Protein backbone atom coordinates (compact mmCIF):
# COMPACT_ATOMS: atom_id res chain seq x y z
CA MET A 1 4.26 -7.45 4.29
CA THR A 2 8.01 -7.31 3.72
CA SER A 3 9.87 -4.25 4.98
CA SER A 4 12.77 -2.62 3.17
CA PRO A 5 16.26 -2.30 4.70
CA ASP A 6 15.54 1.45 5.02
CA VAL A 7 12.88 0.74 7.68
CA PRO A 8 13.79 -2.70 9.06
CA GLY A 9 11.53 -2.33 12.12
CA ALA A 10 8.42 -1.53 10.09
CA GLN A 11 5.62 -4.08 10.15
CA GLY A 12 2.55 -4.21 7.96
CA THR A 13 -0.46 -6.48 7.73
CA ALA A 14 -2.81 -6.41 4.76
CA THR A 15 -6.15 -8.15 5.11
CA VAL A 16 -7.99 -8.56 1.82
CA SER A 17 -11.58 -9.57 1.16
CA THR A 18 -14.09 -9.51 -1.67
CA THR A 19 -16.80 -6.85 -1.60
CA ASP A 20 -20.40 -7.58 -2.57
CA ASP A 21 -19.75 -6.16 -6.04
CA GLY A 22 -16.67 -8.33 -6.65
CA ASN A 23 -13.97 -5.75 -5.91
CA THR A 24 -11.09 -6.30 -3.51
CA LYS A 25 -11.17 -4.53 -0.14
CA ILE A 26 -7.79 -3.91 1.48
CA ASP A 27 -7.38 -3.19 5.19
CA LEU A 28 -3.77 -2.21 5.77
CA VAL A 29 -2.34 -1.74 9.28
CA VAL A 30 1.26 -0.66 9.88
CA LYS A 31 3.43 -0.38 12.99
CA HIS A 32 6.86 1.10 13.67
CA LEU A 33 6.85 3.10 10.43
CA ALA A 34 9.31 6.00 10.73
CA PRO A 35 8.18 9.49 9.64
CA PRO A 36 8.21 9.75 5.82
CA GLU A 37 10.78 12.57 5.77
CA SER A 38 13.31 10.30 7.50
CA VAL A 39 12.90 7.68 4.74
CA ASN A 40 12.88 9.88 1.63
CA SER A 41 14.16 13.46 1.59
CA GLY A 42 11.31 15.84 0.76
CA ALA A 43 8.62 13.27 1.57
CA THR A 44 5.67 14.39 3.68
CA VAL A 45 3.31 11.42 3.49
CA TYR A 46 3.14 7.69 2.86
CA VAL A 47 1.12 6.60 -0.17
CA VAL A 48 -0.35 3.13 -0.74
CA TRP A 49 -0.09 1.76 -4.29
CA VAL A 50 -1.33 -1.24 -6.25
CA THR A 51 0.12 -2.48 -9.51
CA ASP A 52 -1.47 -5.19 -11.65
CA VAL A 53 1.33 -7.75 -11.85
CA GLU A 54 -0.09 -9.48 -14.92
CA SER A 55 -0.69 -6.50 -17.18
CA GLY A 56 2.22 -4.37 -16.02
CA ALA A 57 -0.11 -1.35 -15.94
CA GLU A 58 0.88 1.90 -14.25
CA PRO A 59 0.69 1.94 -10.45
CA HIS A 60 -2.57 3.16 -8.94
CA ASN A 61 -2.55 5.48 -5.89
CA LEU A 62 -4.99 4.12 -3.26
CA GLY A 63 -4.49 7.05 -0.90
CA ALA A 64 -2.46 8.47 1.94
CA LEU A 65 -1.45 6.28 4.86
CA LYS A 66 -1.53 8.51 7.91
CA VAL A 67 1.01 7.56 10.58
CA ASP A 68 0.46 8.79 14.14
CA SER A 69 3.00 9.88 16.76
CA ASP A 70 3.33 6.25 17.89
CA LEU A 71 4.43 5.33 14.30
CA ASN A 72 1.23 3.36 13.65
CA GLY A 73 -1.22 3.82 10.80
CA LYS A 74 -4.08 2.24 8.90
CA ILE A 75 -6.03 2.67 5.70
CA THR A 76 -8.95 0.90 4.06
CA ALA A 77 -9.16 1.00 0.27
CA VAL A 78 -10.91 -0.79 -2.59
CA THR A 79 -9.57 -1.83 -5.99
CA ASN A 80 -11.05 -3.76 -8.89
CA MET A 81 -7.79 -5.70 -9.23
CA ARG A 82 -7.74 -9.32 -8.09
CA SER A 83 -4.01 -10.03 -8.45
CA PHE A 84 -1.63 -7.21 -7.61
CA GLU A 85 1.43 -5.95 -5.80
CA LEU A 86 0.54 -3.79 -2.80
CA TYR A 87 3.22 -1.40 -1.55
CA VAL A 88 3.86 1.76 0.44
CA THR A 89 6.24 4.59 -0.52
CA ALA A 90 7.21 7.89 1.09
CA GLU A 91 6.09 10.70 -1.23
CA PRO A 92 6.18 14.51 -1.37
CA SER A 93 2.40 14.65 -1.91
CA GLN A 94 -0.57 12.37 -1.30
CA SER A 95 -1.75 13.15 -4.82
CA SER A 96 1.37 11.68 -6.47
CA THR A 97 0.46 9.90 -9.71
CA VAL A 98 3.55 7.67 -9.80
CA PRO A 99 5.75 6.45 -6.96
CA THR A 100 8.98 8.41 -6.58
CA GLY A 101 10.33 6.63 -3.51
CA SER A 102 11.24 3.01 -3.10
CA ALA A 103 8.80 0.65 -1.39
CA VAL A 104 9.13 0.58 2.38
CA LEU A 105 6.58 -2.22 2.74
CA LYS A 106 5.30 -4.55 0.03
CA THR A 107 3.46 -7.77 -0.63
CA ASN A 108 1.80 -9.63 -3.49
CA VAL A 109 -1.91 -10.39 -3.38
CA ALA A 110 -3.69 -13.02 -5.46
CA MET A 111 -7.41 -13.38 -4.93
CA SER A 112 -9.30 -16.31 -6.38
CA SER A 113 -11.86 -15.57 -9.06
CA VAL A 114 -15.38 -14.76 -8.01
CA ASN A 115 -17.83 -17.32 -9.33
CA GLU A 116 -21.27 -16.06 -10.19
CA ASN A 117 -23.95 -18.72 -9.63
């Protein structure tokens, strides 16, 4: 994942795989991610988002990324999207419906189609 200039030391690795039912499983691991309040004033949590790059649909909140005292965190989530932008923002609430902060880590994911035989 690419880090923003706001958190240049942050590192993220997203491992994606296809579930038995054809969805996309995302295992996201981050390191050196500063506390959210130091990135975005008023933020209390990091939220992981996916946006369908082809349709331009609204971002979808995959959940809160908990960061420990060593500035490391991980989350596992599932989406039905196969091609998407995956990114992390610092937000005031884990139930945010749209991102209010800029992306601190991001990457594009393109999974090949699942062929049913």
